C-alpha atoms as a PDB file:
ATOM      1  CA  UNK A   1     115.788 134.272  32.983  1.00  0.00           C
ATOM      2  CA  UNK A   2     114.748 137.689  34.499  1.00  0.00           C
ATOM      3  CA  UNK A   3     115.374 138.387  37.877  1.00  0.00           C
ATOM      4  CA  UNK A   4     112.899 140.972  39.735  1.00  0.00           C
ATOM      5  CA  UNK A   5     113.210 142.414  42.967  1.00  0.00           C
ATOM      6  CA  UNK A   6     110.517 144.449  44.242  1.00  0.00           C
ATOM      7  CA  UNK A   7     109.206 146.134  47.611  1.00  0.00           C
ATOM      8  CA  UNK A   8     105.534 147.085  49.385  1.00  0.00           C
ATOM      9  CA  UNK A   9     104.951 148.009  52.809  1.00  0.00           C
ATOM     10  CA  UNK A  10     102.468 145.900  55.175  1.00  0.00           C
ATOM     11  CA  UNK A  11     101.124 147.876  57.793  1.00  0.00           C
ATOM     12  CA  UNK A  12     102.830 146.961  61.061  1.00  0.00           C
ATOM     13  CA  UNK A  13      99.708 146.238  62.864  1.00  0.00           C
ATOM     14  CA  UNK A  14      98.679 143.420  60.680  1.00  0.00           C
ATOM     15  CA  UNK A  15     102.176 141.988  60.003  1.00  0.00           C
ATOM     16  CA  UNK A  16     101.657 138.779  62.252  1.00  0.00           C
ATOM     17  CA  UNK A  17      98.301 137.877  60.073  1.00  0.00           C
ATOM     18  CA  UNK A  18      99.986 138.732  56.821  1.00  0.00           C
ATOM     19  CA  UNK A  19     102.413 135.963  57.833  1.00  0.00           C
ATOM     20  CA  UNK A  20      99.781 133.663  58.779  1.00  0.00           C
ATOM     21  CA  UNK A  21      98.301 134.084  55.418  1.00  0.00           C
ATOM     22  CA  UNK A  22     101.423 133.426  53.732  1.00  0.00           C
ATOM     23  CA  UNK A  23     101.396 129.720  55.475  1.00  0.00           C
ATOM     24  CA  UNK A  24      98.257 129.097  53.840  1.00  0.00           C
ATOM     25  CA  UNK A  25      98.660 130.118  50.542  1.00  0.00           C
ATOM     26  CA  UNK A  26      95.772 128.820  48.368  1.00  0.00           C
ATOM     27  CA  UNK A  27      96.733 126.003  45.830  1.00  0.00           C
ATOM     28  CA  UNK A  28      94.931 127.270  43.353  1.00  0.00           C
ATOM     29  CA  UNK A  29      97.108 130.793  43.640  1.00  0.00           C
ATOM     30  CA  UNK A  30     100.338 128.791  43.840  1.00  0.00           C
ATOM     31  CA  UNK A  31      99.479 126.713  40.473  1.00  0.00           C
ATOM     32  CA  UNK A  32      98.669 130.297  38.706  1.00  0.00           C
ATOM     33  CA  UNK A  33     101.908 131.434  39.902  1.00  0.00           C
ATOM     34  CA  UNK A  34     103.789 128.565  38.370  1.00  0.00           C
ATOM     35  CA  UNK A  35     101.487 128.660  35.264  1.00  0.00           C
ATOM     36  CA  UNK A  36     102.440 132.330  34.742  1.00  0.00           C
ATOM     37  CA  UNK A  37     106.254 131.909  35.164  1.00  0.00           C
ATOM     38  CA  UNK A  38     106.787 133.078  38.823  1.00  0.00           C
ATOM     39  CA  UNK A  39     109.617 131.095  39.884  1.00  0.00           C
ATOM     40  CA  UNK A  40     111.832 131.160  43.021  1.00  0.00           C
ATOM     41  CA  UNK A  41     109.217 133.930  44.208  1.00  0.00           C
ATOM     42  CA  UNK A  42     110.320 134.606  47.952  1.00  0.00           C
ATOM     43  CA  UNK A  43     108.948 137.145  50.287  1.00  0.00           C
ATOM     44  CA  UNK A  44     110.825 139.010  52.958  1.00  0.00           C
ATOM     45  CA  UNK A  45     109.482 141.106  55.464  1.00  0.00           C
ATOM     46  CA  UNK A  46     111.128 143.489  58.000  1.00  0.00           C
ATOM     47  CA  UNK A  47     109.984 144.599  61.425  1.00  0.00           C
ATOM     48  CA  UNK A  48     109.213 147.884  59.977  1.00  0.00           C
ATOM     49  CA  UNK A  49     106.623 146.609  57.294  1.00  0.00           C
ATOM     50  CA  UNK A  50     109.084 146.773  54.367  1.00  0.00           C
ATOM     51  CA  UNK A  51     108.316 143.742  52.029  1.00  0.00           C
ATOM     52  CA  UNK A  52     111.247 142.639  49.821  1.00  0.00           C
ATOM     53  CA  UNK A  53     109.803 140.450  46.975  1.00  0.00           C
ATOM     54  CA  UNK A  54     112.017 138.373  44.907  1.00  0.00           C
ATOM     55  CA  UNK A  55     111.231 135.939  41.511  1.00  0.00           C
ATOM     56  CA  UNK A  56     112.722 134.885  38.329  1.00  0.00           C
ATOM     57  CA  UNK A  57     110.609 134.543  35.077  1.00  0.00           C
ATOM     58  CA  UNK A  58     111.369 133.416  31.558  1.00  0.00           C
ATOM     59  CA  UNK A  59     110.148 136.674  30.187  1.00  0.00           C
ATOM     60  CA  UNK A  60     109.605 140.146  31.161  1.00  0.00           C
ATOM     61  CA  UNK A  61     107.958 141.222  34.662  1.00  0.00           C
ATOM     62  CA  UNK A  62     105.476 143.011  32.908  1.00  0.00           C
ATOM     63  CA  UNK A  63     104.563 139.811  31.109  1.00  0.00           C
ATOM     64  CA  UNK A  64     104.652 137.800  34.400  1.00  0.00           C
ATOM     65  CA  UNK A  65     102.374 140.612  35.869  1.00  0.00           C
ATOM     66  CA  UNK A  66      99.989 140.270  32.904  1.00  0.00           C
ATOM     67  CA  UNK A  67      99.493 136.850  32.989  1.00  0.00           C
ATOM     68  CA  UNK A  68      98.547 137.043  36.546  1.00  0.00           C
ATOM     69  CA  UNK A  69      96.192 139.701  35.683  1.00  0.00           C
ATOM     70  CA  UNK A  70      94.300 137.215  33.475  1.00  0.00           C
ATOM     71  CA  UNK A  71      94.025 134.557  36.304  1.00  0.00           C
ATOM     72  CA  UNK A  72      90.776 134.709  38.165  1.00  0.00           C
ATOM     73  CA  UNK A  73      92.226 133.553  41.428  1.00  0.00           C
ATOM     74  CA  UNK A  74      94.443 136.450  41.510  1.00  0.00           C
ATOM     75  CA  UNK A  75      91.869 139.132  41.533  1.00  0.00           C
ATOM     76  CA  UNK A  76      90.296 137.248  44.781  1.00  0.00           C
ATOM     77  CA  UNK A  77      93.945 136.741  46.373  1.00  0.00           C
ATOM     78  CA  UNK A  78      94.494 140.444  45.603  1.00  0.00           C
ATOM     79  CA  UNK A  79      91.399 141.445  46.863  1.00  0.00           C
ATOM     80  CA  UNK A  80      91.798 139.629  50.051  1.00  0.00           C
ATOM     81  CA  UNK A  81      95.276 140.848  50.566  1.00  0.00           C
ATOM     82  CA  UNK A  82      94.677 144.542  49.680  1.00  0.00           C
ATOM     83  CA  UNK A  83      94.007 145.625  53.261  1.00  0.00           C
ATOM     84  CA  UNK A  84      97.373 144.495  54.717  1.00  0.00           C
ATOM     85  CA  UNK A  85      99.207 147.003  52.413  1.00  0.00           C
ATOM     86  CA  UNK A  86      99.973 150.497  53.050  1.00  0.00           C
ATOM     87  CA  UNK A  87      99.828 152.743  49.417  1.00  0.00           C
ATOM     88  CA  UNK A  88      97.034 154.173  47.354  1.00  0.00           C
ATOM     89  CA  UNK A  89      94.056 151.595  47.875  1.00  0.00           C
ATOM     90  CA  UNK A  90      95.401 149.539  44.458  1.00  0.00           C
ATOM     91  CA  UNK A  91      95.999 145.935  44.465  1.00  0.00           C
ATOM     92  CA  UNK A  92      99.705 144.991  45.670  1.00  0.00           C
ATOM     93  CA  UNK A  93     100.570 143.377  42.307  1.00  0.00           C
ATOM     94  CA  UNK A  94      99.769 147.274  40.983  1.00  0.00           C
ATOM     95  CA  UNK A  95     101.810 148.935  43.687  1.00  0.00           C
ATOM     96  CA  UNK A  96     105.398 146.964  43.192  1.00  0.00           C
ATOM     97  CA  UNK A  97     108.221 149.190  43.500  1.00  0.00           C
ATOM     98  CA  UNK A  98     110.669 147.506  41.377  1.00  0.00           C
ATOM     99  CA  UNK A  99     114.264 147.627  41.921  1.00  0.00           C
ATOM    100  CA  UNK A 100     117.305 147.851  39.609  1.00  0.00           C
ATOM    101  CA  UNK A 101     119.402 144.718  39.897  1.00  0.00           C
ATOM    102  CA  UNK A 102     123.232 146.231  40.521  1.00  0.00           C
ATOM    103  CA  UNK A 103     125.032 142.557  40.943  1.00  0.00           C
ATOM    104  CA  UNK A 104     124.569 139.048  40.237  1.00  0.00           C
ATOM    105  CA  UNK A 105     127.399 136.606  41.325  1.00  0.00           C
ATOM    106  CA  UNK A 106     126.716 134.107  38.669  1.00  0.00           C
END
């Protein structure tokens, strides 16, 4: 299992709405994530807009991203969520800054 950590930055003025949207993630999006090998997927948001994401996937993160890119629901979700992120205008799943794992207890 590959463990992945990544960061993004949510626009501070949209953080409350970003949180609300994640209370109501579309069932089709949740199913697609599971189908594409996104396990234990968790998001954490700091008050300064820093978003930390974590997931585990049986293959590589590149494979997990590619599988989601083939999902029609992902294109719709990414388009809906794009305005929430700082960056260069690309979809969030194309701007994720992955982190190097330096320690794991088990």
